[in-house]
Protein backbone atom coordinates (compact mmCIF):
# COMPACT_ATOMS: atom_id res chain seq x y z
CA MET A 1 22.98 4.34 4.59
CA LEU A 2 23.00 1.85 1.72
CA LYS A 3 26.08 2.42 -0.48
CA ARG A 4 26.20 -0.63 -2.74
CA ILE A 5 26.83 0.24 -6.40
CA LEU A 6 26.31 -2.20 -9.29
CA CYS A 7 28.30 -1.59 -12.49
CA VAL A 8 27.00 -3.30 -15.65
CA ASP A 9 28.91 -3.75 -18.91
CA ASP A 10 29.45 -6.49 -21.47
CA GLU A 11 33.24 -5.99 -21.45
CA PRO A 12 35.15 -7.65 -18.55
CA ASN A 13 38.05 -5.20 -18.86
CA VAL A 14 35.76 -2.24 -18.23
CA LEU A 15 34.35 -3.89 -15.10
CA HIS A 16 37.83 -4.70 -13.80
CA ALA A 17 38.81 -1.06 -14.33
CA PHE A 18 35.77 0.05 -12.30
CA GLU A 19 36.80 -2.17 -9.42
CA ARG A 20 40.42 -1.01 -9.46
CA GLN A 21 39.54 2.69 -9.61
CA PHE A 22 36.76 2.88 -7.06
CA ARG A 23 36.98 -0.07 -4.66
CA LYS A 24 38.57 2.15 -1.96
CA GLN A 25 35.88 4.85 -2.30
CA PHE A 26 32.71 2.84 -2.88
CA ASP A 27 31.18 -0.58 -2.32
CA ILE A 28 31.50 -1.67 -5.96
CA HIS A 29 29.89 -4.78 -7.45
CA THR A 30 29.91 -5.80 -11.12
CA ALA A 31 27.75 -7.76 -13.57
CA LEU A 32 28.78 -8.94 -17.03
CA GLY A 33 25.73 -7.89 -19.04
CA PRO A 34 22.14 -6.91 -18.21
CA GLU A 35 20.76 -10.43 -17.67
CA ILE A 36 23.29 -11.22 -14.95
CA ALA A 37 22.68 -7.77 -13.46
CA LEU A 38 18.92 -8.36 -13.23
CA GLN A 39 19.58 -11.66 -11.49
CA LYS A 40 21.92 -9.98 -9.01
CA LEU A 41 19.33 -7.30 -8.30
CA ALA A 42 16.70 -9.96 -7.66
CA ASP A 43 18.84 -12.28 -5.53
CA GLU A 44 21.14 -10.04 -3.50
CA GLU A 45 20.86 -7.22 -1.00
CA ALA A 46 19.50 -4.00 -2.47
CA PHE A 47 21.73 -1.67 -4.51
CA ALA A 48 21.65 2.10 -4.07
CA VAL A 49 22.98 2.85 -7.56
CA VAL A 50 23.20 1.02 -10.88
CA VAL A 51 25.67 2.23 -13.53
CA SER A 52 25.13 0.77 -17.00
CA ASP A 53 26.78 1.00 -20.40
CA MET A 54 24.43 1.93 -23.23
CA ARG A 55 25.53 -0.49 -25.95
CA MET A 56 25.18 -4.09 -24.85
CA PRO A 57 24.02 -7.11 -26.88
CA GLY A 58 20.51 -8.42 -26.35
CA MET A 59 19.30 -5.52 -24.19
CA ASP A 60 20.69 -1.99 -24.40
CA GLY A 61 21.31 0.20 -21.40
CA ALA A 62 18.10 2.21 -21.78
CA ALA A 63 15.93 -0.92 -21.82
CA PHE A 64 17.87 -2.43 -18.92
CA LEU A 65 17.59 0.67 -16.73
CA SER A 66 13.91 0.93 -17.59
CA ARG A 67 13.49 -2.59 -16.18
CA VAL A 68 15.41 -1.55 -13.08
CA ARG A 69 13.14 1.45 -12.65
CA GLN A 70 10.02 -0.72 -12.87
CA GLN A 71 11.19 -3.41 -10.45
CA TRP A 72 13.48 -1.43 -8.11
CA PRO A 73 12.27 2.17 -8.35
CA ASP A 74 14.35 3.37 -5.38
CA THR A 75 17.62 2.39 -7.09
CA VAL A 76 19.27 5.42 -8.72
CA ARG A 77 20.23 4.85 -12.36
CA VAL A 78 23.31 6.22 -14.18
CA MET A 79 24.24 5.58 -17.82
CA LEU A 80 27.57 5.63 -19.61
CA THR A 81 27.26 6.28 -23.33
CA GLY A 82 29.32 7.01 -26.43
CA GLN A 83 28.70 10.00 -28.69
CA ALA A 84 26.91 7.79 -31.26
CA ASP A 85 24.26 6.89 -28.65
CA LEU A 86 23.72 10.44 -27.43
CA GLU A 87 20.31 11.03 -29.02
CA SER A 88 18.75 7.83 -27.63
CA THR A 89 20.31 8.47 -24.23
CA ILE A 90 18.87 11.99 -24.03
CA ALA A 91 15.48 10.53 -24.90
CA ALA A 92 15.84 8.04 -22.03
CA VAL A 93 16.75 10.85 -19.63
CA ASN A 94 13.80 12.97 -20.75
CA GLN A 95 11.44 10.06 -20.11
CA GLY A 96 12.57 10.09 -16.50
CA ASN A 97 14.38 6.78 -16.55
CA ILE A 98 17.91 8.02 -15.84
CA PHE A 99 19.31 10.13 -12.98
CA GLN A 100 22.38 11.18 -14.98
CA PHE A 101 24.36 10.12 -18.03
CA LEU A 102 28.04 10.48 -18.80
CA THR A 103 29.81 10.28 -22.15
CA LYS A 104 32.78 7.98 -22.67
CA PRO A 105 35.61 8.25 -22.07
CA CYS A 106 34.72 9.71 -18.67
CA PRO A 107 37.44 11.06 -16.33
CA SER A 108 37.67 9.19 -13.03
CA GLU A 109 37.09 12.36 -11.00
CA MET A 110 33.86 13.14 -12.83
CA LEU A 111 32.59 9.59 -12.47
CA ALA A 112 33.44 9.60 -8.76
CA ARG A 113 31.49 12.85 -8.26
CA THR A 114 28.54 11.39 -10.16
CA LEU A 115 28.55 8.24 -8.03
CA GLN A 116 28.66 10.35 -4.86
CA ALA A 117 25.75 12.46 -6.12
CA ALA A 118 23.79 9.31 -6.99
CA LEU A 119 24.34 7.93 -3.48
CA GLU A 120 23.10 11.21 -2.02
CA GLN A 121 20.06 11.06 -4.29
CA HIS A 122 19.33 7.56 -3.02
CA ARG A 123 19.64 8.78 0.57
CA LEU A 124 17.08 11.51 -0.14
CA ILE A 125 14.72 9.02 -1.80
CA MET A 126 14.87 6.69 1.19
CA ALA A 127 14.42 9.58 3.64
CA GLU A 128 11.32 10.65 1.71
CA ARG A 129 9.99 7.11 1.70
CA GLU A 130 10.60 6.77 5.42
CA LEU A 131 8.65 9.98 5.98
CA LEU A 132 5.75 8.87 3.80
CA GLU A 133 5.56 5.21 4.76
CA GLY A 134 6.89 5.39 8.31
CA THR A 135 6.33 8.63 10.18
CA LEU A 136 3.23 9.63 8.22
CA ARG A 137 1.69 6.15 8.36
CA GLY A 138 2.24 6.02 12.12
CA SER A 139 0.65 9.42 12.63
CA ILE A 140 -2.31 8.48 10.47
CA GLY A 141 -2.62 5.22 12.40
CA VAL A 142 -3.11 7.25 15.58
CA LEU A 143 -5.75 9.41 13.85
CA SER A 144 -7.49 6.29 12.58
CA GLU A 145 -7.60 4.68 16.00
CA ILE A 146 -9.12 7.81 17.50
CA LEU A 147 -12.06 6.96 15.23
CA SER A 148 -12.25 3.60 17.00
CA LEU A 149 -13.04 5.40 20.25
CA VAL A 150 -15.59 7.77 18.74
CA ASN A 151 -17.31 5.38 16.30
CA PRO A 152 -16.23 1.71 16.59
CA SER A 153 -18.59 0.65 13.79
CA ALA A 154 -17.04 3.11 11.31
CA PHE A 155 -13.56 2.12 12.47
CA GLY A 156 -14.36 -1.55 11.94
CA GLN A 157 -15.51 -0.83 8.40
CA SER A 158 -12.38 1.19 7.66
CA HIS A 159 -10.28 -1.79 8.78
CA ARG A 160 -12.16 -4.12 6.47
CA ILE A 161 -11.92 -1.63 3.59
CA ARG A 162 -8.20 -1.29 4.23
CA ARG A 163 -7.75 -5.06 4.08
CA TYR A 164 -9.69 -5.32 0.80
CA VAL A 165 -7.90 -2.36 -0.80
CA ARG A 166 -4.45 -3.50 0.24
CA CYS A 167 -5.00 -7.00 -1.12
CA MET A 168 -6.54 -5.72 -4.37
CA ALA A 169 -3.65 -3.29 -4.91
CA GLU A 170 -1.10 -6.03 -4.24
CA GLU A 171 -2.91 -8.43 -6.58
CA LEU A 172 -2.95 -5.76 -9.30
CA GLN A 173 0.67 -4.79 -8.54
CA LEU A 174 -0.23 -1.11 -8.32
CA ALA A 175 2.54 1.41 -7.69
CA ASP A 176 2.41 3.71 -4.66
CA LEU A 177 0.53 1.19 -2.55
CA TRP A 178 0.98 3.40 0.52
CA GLN A 179 -1.41 6.03 -0.89
CA TYR A 180 -4.23 3.55 -1.45
CA GLU A 181 -3.72 1.95 1.94
CA LEU A 182 -3.76 5.29 3.74
CA ALA A 183 -6.89 6.32 1.83
CA ALA A 184 -8.55 3.09 2.96
CA MET A 185 -7.45 3.57 6.58
CA LEU A 186 -8.95 7.06 6.56
CA SER A 187 -11.92 6.44 4.26
CA GLN A 188 -14.37 6.63 7.17
CA ILE A 189 -12.69 9.41 9.15
CA GLY A 190 -15.55 11.72 8.18
CA CYS A 191 -17.82 9.49 10.29
CA VAL A 192 -16.62 11.30 13.40
CA THR A 193 -19.63 13.55 12.66
CA VAL A 194 -22.04 10.64 12.07
CA PRO A 195 -24.01 9.32 15.08
CA ALA A 196 -23.40 5.61 15.70
CA GLU A 197 -27.11 4.81 15.42
CA VAL A 198 -27.21 6.31 11.91
CA MET A 199 -24.27 4.15 10.91
CA GLU A 200 -26.00 1.05 12.25
CA LYS A 201 -29.24 1.85 10.40
CA GLN A 202 -27.32 2.34 7.15
CA ARG A 203 -25.33 -0.88 7.65
CA ALA A 204 -28.52 -2.83 8.33
CA GLY A 205 -30.22 -1.45 5.21
CA GLN A 206 -32.94 0.29 7.23
CA PRO A 207 -34.66 3.35 5.71
CA LEU A 208 -33.09 6.71 6.56
CA ASP A 209 -34.82 10.06 6.79
CA ASP A 210 -33.59 13.03 4.75
CA ALA A 211 -31.46 14.45 7.57
CA GLU A 212 -29.72 11.10 8.11
CA LYS A 213 -29.08 10.72 4.38
CA GLN A 214 -27.53 14.18 4.32
CA ILE A 215 -25.25 13.35 7.27
CA LEU A 216 -23.98 10.21 5.56
CA ALA A 217 -23.59 11.92 2.18
CA SER A 218 -21.41 14.62 3.72
CA GLN A 219 -18.93 12.27 5.42
CA GLY A 220 -16.70 12.06 2.33
CA LYS A 221 -16.40 15.86 2.20
CA VAL A 222 -15.77 16.04 5.95
CA GLY A 223 -13.00 13.46 5.53
CA HIS A 224 -11.52 15.39 2.60
CA ASP A 225 -11.54 18.66 4.53
CA LEU A 226 -9.79 17.06 7.50
CA LEU A 227 -7.13 15.28 5.44
CA SER A 228 -6.40 18.09 2.99
CA ARG A 229 -4.91 20.07 5.87
CA ILE A 230 -2.16 17.47 6.30
CA PRO A 231 0.89 18.06 4.05
CA ARG A 232 1.46 15.32 1.42
CA LEU A 233 -2.04 13.90 1.83
CA GLU A 234 -3.70 16.00 -0.86
CA THR A 235 -4.08 13.04 -3.25
CA VAL A 236 -5.32 10.76 -0.46
CA ALA A 237 -7.86 13.42 0.52
CA GLU A 238 -9.18 13.52 -3.07
CA MET A 239 -9.56 9.72 -3.10
CA VAL A 240 -11.63 9.91 0.09
CA ALA A 241 -13.73 12.76 -1.33
CA HIS A 242 -14.65 10.75 -4.47
CA GLN A 243 -15.22 7.33 -2.87
CA ALA A 244 -19.01 7.73 -3.13
CA THR A 245 -18.99 9.16 -6.68
CA GLU A 246 -21.30 7.29 -9.04
CA ASN A 247 -19.45 5.40 -11.80
CA VAL A 248 -16.16 6.69 -10.41
CA ALA A 249 -14.24 4.23 -12.62
CA ARG A 250 -15.38 6.26 -15.64
CA GLN A 251 -14.85 9.76 -14.27
CA LYS A 252 -12.12 12.01 -15.68
CA LEU A 253 -10.03 12.29 -12.51
CA PRO A 254 -6.22 12.29 -12.16
CA PRO A 255 -5.10 8.63 -12.49
CA PRO A 256 -4.05 8.03 -8.84
CA VAL A 257 -7.24 9.65 -7.52
CA GLN A 258 -9.47 7.70 -9.90
CA THR A 259 -7.75 4.41 -9.07
CA GLY A 260 -7.89 5.06 -5.32
CA ALA A 261 -11.52 6.20 -5.36
CA SER A 262 -12.47 3.14 -7.46
CA LEU A 263 -10.78 0.80 -4.98
CA LEU A 264 -12.55 2.49 -2.06
CA ARG A 265 -15.94 2.40 -3.80
CA ILE A 266 -15.64 -1.32 -4.59
CA ALA A 267 -14.43 -2.21 -1.10
CA ARG A 268 -17.09 -0.11 0.64
CA ASP A 269 -20.02 -1.30 -1.50
CA PHE A 270 -18.90 -4.92 -1.14
CA ASP A 271 -18.63 -4.53 2.62
CA ASP A 272 -22.06 -2.88 2.90
CA ARG A 273 -23.79 -5.64 0.92
CA ILE A 274 -22.11 -8.43 2.86
CA ALA A 275 -23.12 -6.75 6.13
CA ARG A 276 -26.76 -6.93 5.01
CA GLY A 277 -26.51 -10.69 4.54
CA ALA A 278 -26.00 -11.00 0.77
CA PRO A 279 -23.95 -14.06 -0.31
CA VAL A 280 -20.35 -13.22 -1.22
CA GLU A 281 -20.39 -14.93 -4.62
CA GLU A 282 -23.66 -13.25 -5.57
CA VAL A 283 -22.35 -9.80 -4.61
CA LEU A 284 -19.12 -10.28 -6.54
CA ALA A 285 -20.96 -11.55 -9.64
CA GLN A 286 -23.30 -8.54 -9.60
CA MET A 287 -20.42 -6.10 -9.15
CA LYS A 288 -18.39 -7.69 -11.92
CA SER A 289 -21.27 -7.41 -14.38
CA SER A 290 -22.00 -3.79 -13.44
CA GLN A 291 -20.47 -0.96 -15.46
CA ALA A 292 -20.20 1.06 -12.27
CA TYR A 293 -17.09 -0.89 -11.22
CA ASP A 294 -13.76 -1.74 -12.80
CA ALA A 295 -14.00 -5.46 -13.64
CA ALA A 296 -10.27 -6.05 -13.08
CA PHE A 297 -10.52 -4.60 -9.57
CA VAL A 298 -13.54 -6.77 -8.75
CA SER A 299 -11.68 -9.85 -10.03
CA ALA A 300 -8.79 -8.99 -7.70
CA LEU A 301 -11.24 -8.70 -4.80
CA HIS A 302 -12.66 -12.12 -5.75
CA LYS A 303 -9.19 -13.64 -5.35
CA VAL A 304 -8.84 -11.97 -1.97
CA GLN A 305 -12.12 -13.48 -0.83
CA LEU A 306 -11.07 -16.94 -2.00
CA GLU A 307 -7.92 -16.64 0.09
CA GLU A 308 -9.81 -15.41 3.15
CA ALA A 309 -12.34 -18.21 2.82
CA GLY A 310 -9.50 -20.58 3.67
CA GLY A 311 -9.23 -19.09 7.17
CA GLU A 312 -10.37 -21.04 10.20
CA ALA A 313 -13.04 -19.81 12.62
CA ARG A 314 -12.07 -20.19 16.28
CA CYS A 315 -13.15 -19.06 19.70
CA VAL A 316 -10.29 -17.70 21.77
CA ASN A 317 -9.82 -16.04 25.13
CA LEU A 318 -8.30 -12.57 25.39
CA THR A 319 -4.95 -14.07 26.43
CA GLN A 320 -4.89 -16.10 23.19
CA ILE A 321 -5.81 -13.36 20.75
CA LYS A 322 -3.04 -12.42 18.29
CA PRO A 323 -2.37 -9.63 15.76
CA GLY A 324 -3.56 -10.60 12.28
CA MET A 325 -6.68 -12.41 13.45
CA ILE A 326 -9.98 -11.04 12.11
CA LEU A 327 -13.05 -10.68 14.31
CA ASN A 328 -15.86 -13.01 13.31
CA TYR A 329 -18.28 -11.10 15.57
CA GLY A 330 -18.07 -7.76 17.34
CA VAL A 331 -16.48 -7.61 20.79
CA LEU A 332 -18.68 -6.18 23.55
CA SER A 333 -17.92 -4.99 27.03
CA LYS A 334 -19.94 -6.56 29.85
CA THR A 335 -22.03 -3.39 29.87
CA GLY A 336 -22.97 -3.94 26.22
CA LEU A 337 -20.65 -1.30 24.69
CA LEU A 338 -19.31 -2.22 21.24
CA LEU A 339 -15.52 -2.17 21.54
CA MET A 340 -14.51 -3.64 18.19
CA ALA A 341 -16.67 -4.34 15.15
CA LYS A 342 -17.03 -7.54 13.13
CA GLY A 343 -14.40 -7.88 10.41
CA GLN A 344 -11.84 -5.73 12.19
CA GLU A 345 -8.26 -6.99 12.04
CA ILE A 346 -6.57 -7.38 15.40
CA THR A 347 -3.59 -5.06 15.94
CA PRO A 348 -1.25 -4.68 18.94
CA SER A 349 -2.99 -1.44 19.95
CA SER A 350 -6.44 -3.05 19.76
CA ILE A 351 -5.23 -5.83 22.06
CA VAL A 352 -4.09 -3.22 24.58
CA ARG A 353 -7.51 -1.56 24.38
CA LEU A 354 -9.30 -4.85 25.04
CA GLN A 355 -6.97 -5.61 27.95
CA THR A 356 -7.75 -2.20 29.46
CA PHE A 357 -11.50 -2.81 29.28
CA ALA A 358 -11.05 -6.35 30.64
CA ARG A 359 -9.34 -4.94 33.75
CA THR A 360 -12.07 -2.35 34.32
CA VAL A 361 -15.62 -3.08 33.15
CA GLY A 362 -14.82 -6.52 31.68
CA ILE A 363 -15.38 -7.94 28.19
CA ALA A 364 -17.53 -10.77 26.86
CA GLU A 365 -15.50 -13.92 26.22
CA PRO A 366 -14.73 -16.12 24.35
CA ILE A 367 -14.01 -14.02 21.28
CA SER A 368 -14.89 -15.41 17.86
CA VAL A 369 -12.12 -14.83 15.29
CA ILE A 370 -11.00 -15.93 11.84
CA VAL A 371 -7.39 -17.11 11.74
CA PRO A 372 -5.87 -16.67 8.24
CA GLN A 373 -4.29 -19.81 6.83
CA ARG A 374 -0.79 -18.39 7.04
CA GLU A 375 -1.20 -17.82 10.80
CA GLN A 376 -3.07 -20.93 11.89
CA GLN A 377 -1.55 -22.39 15.03
CA PRO A 378 -3.26 -25.17 16.98
CA GLU A 379 -2.25 -23.76 20.38
CA LEU A 380 -4.48 -20.69 19.83
CA VAL A 381 -7.70 -22.69 20.19
CA ALA A 382 -9.57 -21.94 23.40
CA ARG A 383 -10.01 -24.99 25.56
């Protein structure tokens, strides 16, 4: 459990007193003023708790702790304040920026109890994050890969959508990235009810009959109904449900749902058009000029595509394939079964699946992949 505590004040004597009083109980670190504190937070190992004085020159405690909240949201924030600053401190607490505030002078016993409570709060935050980003993500990964067995084409598209959404969200510095990434991973889960041949017709831009259109139109609802049964995935389920909504960027949905559905819509429509042979730059230009999409999101996707364009196409054998590579063409078994779709990112589990098929029915080699610039290694080239 992380127990590092950073105490921030513009008076050296106060910081020395902190160290003397609590060095035997806590892992205490100090910073003389908010600017030095921000540098410590950026450069050193993470802190569980930050304790700040309210009145400091240049940047007061409320502004400083607000910065901490934005950049290190898992760090628990405590404020020490005098009676004259009480009104502004209460306002800061009510805005959700502060875990607790104490008035000066504060008895050592009370401050020690507050620090212990703040450390416990940090433990709970990290446990919650581990659940959401670790256990839950792993479970959803299993569910997603089941789709790869039932409908490899839909699974391949979900992998591409996930890559686009993740990169767009990172480029836009969106909070709660895990929600958008999970929504992308599971955006096509409703396709478990869609026959593979219908998916292929839709991807190729071939005309669909009314029954086929209805099947495809219902996949978002099917996905929503499946995901809404999983605790803590209610928001993700709503994103999946609205991914096909017309002009979703201008709908009056809760902010996370609207953002997530907009990301999914952009990523899915982009992927569909590229699959039908449209030039990347042309598709992006059309999407950016359309009022149906958020222009900032499309611009972020454009940057992602520029980065991916720097990747190198290679042909590799199964023994040379590595996680992080992206399939340039689909991988087929020697009986003609599609095992992995074009654009799918290689993962450790997908390598195991290919190895299993190679030992049984065999797979077609070499495999054409794109190696991202950051992972290019000459020894991976098939000879």
